[in-house]
């Protein structure tokens, strides 16, 4: 039977995707594809910020 890997948190997956895209960005020349990767990295930053904001609010609501 195949052993399943440890589940990754949402934050870990966002960070891994961001690192992968930053590595890809370093190899791309200026142009549309590079702009698309930069936009995707910005989206990942926004997603991480929103997740942090919602987790703090969720913890505050749970403690009441």
C-alpha atoms as a PDB file:
ATOM      1  CA  UNK A   1       0.000   0.000   0.000  1.00  0.00           C
ATOM      2  CA  UNK A   2       1.234   3.476  -0.840  1.00  0.00           C
ATOM      3  CA  UNK A   3       2.088   5.794   2.038  1.00  0.00           C
ATOM      4  CA  UNK A   4       0.325   9.142   1.855  1.00  0.00           C
ATOM      5  CA  UNK A   5       2.342  12.281   2.400  1.00  0.00           C
ATOM      6  CA  UNK A   6       1.621  14.743   5.148  1.00  0.00           C
ATOM      7  CA  UNK A   7      -1.108  17.215   4.176  1.00  0.00           C
ATOM      8  CA  UNK A   8       0.122  20.720   3.512  1.00  0.00           C
ATOM      9  CA  UNK A   9      -1.565  23.781   4.910  1.00  0.00           C
ATOM     10  CA  UNK A  10      -3.101  26.387   2.657  1.00  0.00           C
ATOM     11  CA  UNK A  11      -0.301  28.781   3.596  1.00  0.00           C
ATOM     12  CA  UNK A  12       2.362  26.210   2.685  1.00  0.00           C
ATOM     13  CA  UNK A  13       0.764  25.592  -0.699  1.00  0.00           C
ATOM     14  CA  UNK A  14       0.551  29.336  -1.412  1.00  0.00           C
ATOM     15  CA  UNK A  15       4.195  29.769  -0.465  1.00  0.00           C
ATOM     16  CA  UNK A  16       5.309  26.814  -2.602  1.00  0.00           C
ATOM     17  CA  UNK A  17       3.392  28.144  -5.598  1.00  0.00           C
ATOM     18  CA  UNK A  18       4.860  31.632  -5.086  1.00  0.00           C
ATOM     19  CA  UNK A  19       8.400  30.246  -4.935  1.00  0.00           C
ATOM     20  CA  UNK A  20       7.816  28.199  -8.088  1.00  0.00           C
ATOM     21  CA  UNK A  21       6.505  31.240  -9.952  1.00  0.00           C
ATOM     22  CA  UNK A  22       9.372  33.451  -8.741  1.00  0.00           C
ATOM     23  CA  UNK A  23      11.835  30.858 -10.020  1.00  0.00           C
ATOM     24  CA  UNK A  24      10.006  30.793 -13.374  1.00  0.00           C
ATOM     25  CA  UNK A  25       9.948  34.606 -13.451  1.00  0.00           C
ATOM     26  CA  UNK A  26      13.737  34.748 -13.175  1.00  0.00           C
ATOM     27  CA  UNK A  27      14.042  32.816 -16.452  1.00  0.00           C
ATOM     28  CA  UNK A  28      11.463  34.773 -18.468  1.00  0.00           C
ATOM     29  CA  UNK A  29      12.296  37.681 -20.769  1.00  0.00           C
ATOM     30  CA  UNK A  30      10.236  40.877 -20.672  1.00  0.00           C
ATOM     31  CA  UNK A  31       6.864  40.444 -22.305  1.00  0.00           C
ATOM     32  CA  UNK A  32       3.301  39.263 -21.887  1.00  0.00           C
ATOM     33  CA  UNK A  33       4.141  35.927 -20.266  1.00  0.00           C
ATOM     34  CA  UNK A  34       6.364  37.606 -17.675  1.00  0.00           C
ATOM     35  CA  UNK A  35       3.615  40.125 -16.912  1.00  0.00           C
ATOM     36  CA  UNK A  36       1.164  37.250 -16.412  1.00  0.00           C
ATOM     37  CA  UNK A  37       3.488  35.541 -13.932  1.00  0.00           C
ATOM     38  CA  UNK A  38       3.974  38.817 -12.017  1.00  0.00           C
ATOM     39  CA  UNK A  39       0.193  39.238 -11.851  1.00  0.00           C
ATOM     40  CA  UNK A  40      -0.182  35.675 -10.548  1.00  0.00           C
ATOM     41  CA  UNK A  41       2.436  36.299  -7.839  1.00  0.00           C
ATOM     42  CA  UNK A  42       0.508  39.435  -6.817  1.00  0.00           C
ATOM     43  CA  UNK A  43      -2.668  37.340  -6.605  1.00  0.00           C
ATOM     44  CA  UNK A  44      -0.904  34.847  -4.340  1.00  0.00           C
ATOM     45  CA  UNK A  45       0.241  37.671  -2.046  1.00  0.00           C
ATOM     46  CA  UNK A  46      -3.330  38.966  -1.894  1.00  0.00           C
ATOM     47  CA  UNK A  47      -4.671  35.480  -1.162  1.00  0.00           C
ATOM     48  CA  UNK A  48      -2.174  35.067   1.692  1.00  0.00           C
ATOM     49  CA  UNK A  49      -3.120  38.448   3.171  1.00  0.00           C
ATOM     50  CA  UNK A  50      -6.829  37.655   2.932  1.00  0.00           C
ATOM     51  CA  UNK A  51      -6.292  34.255   4.531  1.00  0.00           C
ATOM     52  CA  UNK A  52      -4.347  35.823   7.413  1.00  0.00           C
ATOM     53  CA  UNK A  53      -7.067  38.441   7.894  1.00  0.00           C
ATOM     54  CA  UNK A  54      -9.837  35.850   7.920  1.00  0.00           C
ATOM     55  CA  UNK A  55      -7.952  33.541  10.287  1.00  0.00           C
ATOM     56  CA  UNK A  56      -7.433  36.361  12.796  1.00  0.00           C
ATOM     57  CA  UNK A  57     -11.127  37.280  12.602  1.00  0.00           C
ATOM     58  CA  UNK A  58     -12.102  33.627  12.964  1.00  0.00           C
ATOM     59  CA  UNK A  59      -9.927  33.200  16.038  1.00  0.00           C
ATOM     60  CA  UNK A  60     -11.379  36.357  17.574  1.00  0.00           C
ATOM     61  CA  UNK A  61     -14.945  35.194  16.940  1.00  0.00           C
ATOM     62  CA  UNK A  62     -14.211  31.732  18.332  1.00  0.00           C
ATOM     63  CA  UNK A  63     -12.806  33.143  21.574  1.00  0.00           C
ATOM     64  CA  UNK A  64     -15.966  35.161  22.336  1.00  0.00           C
END
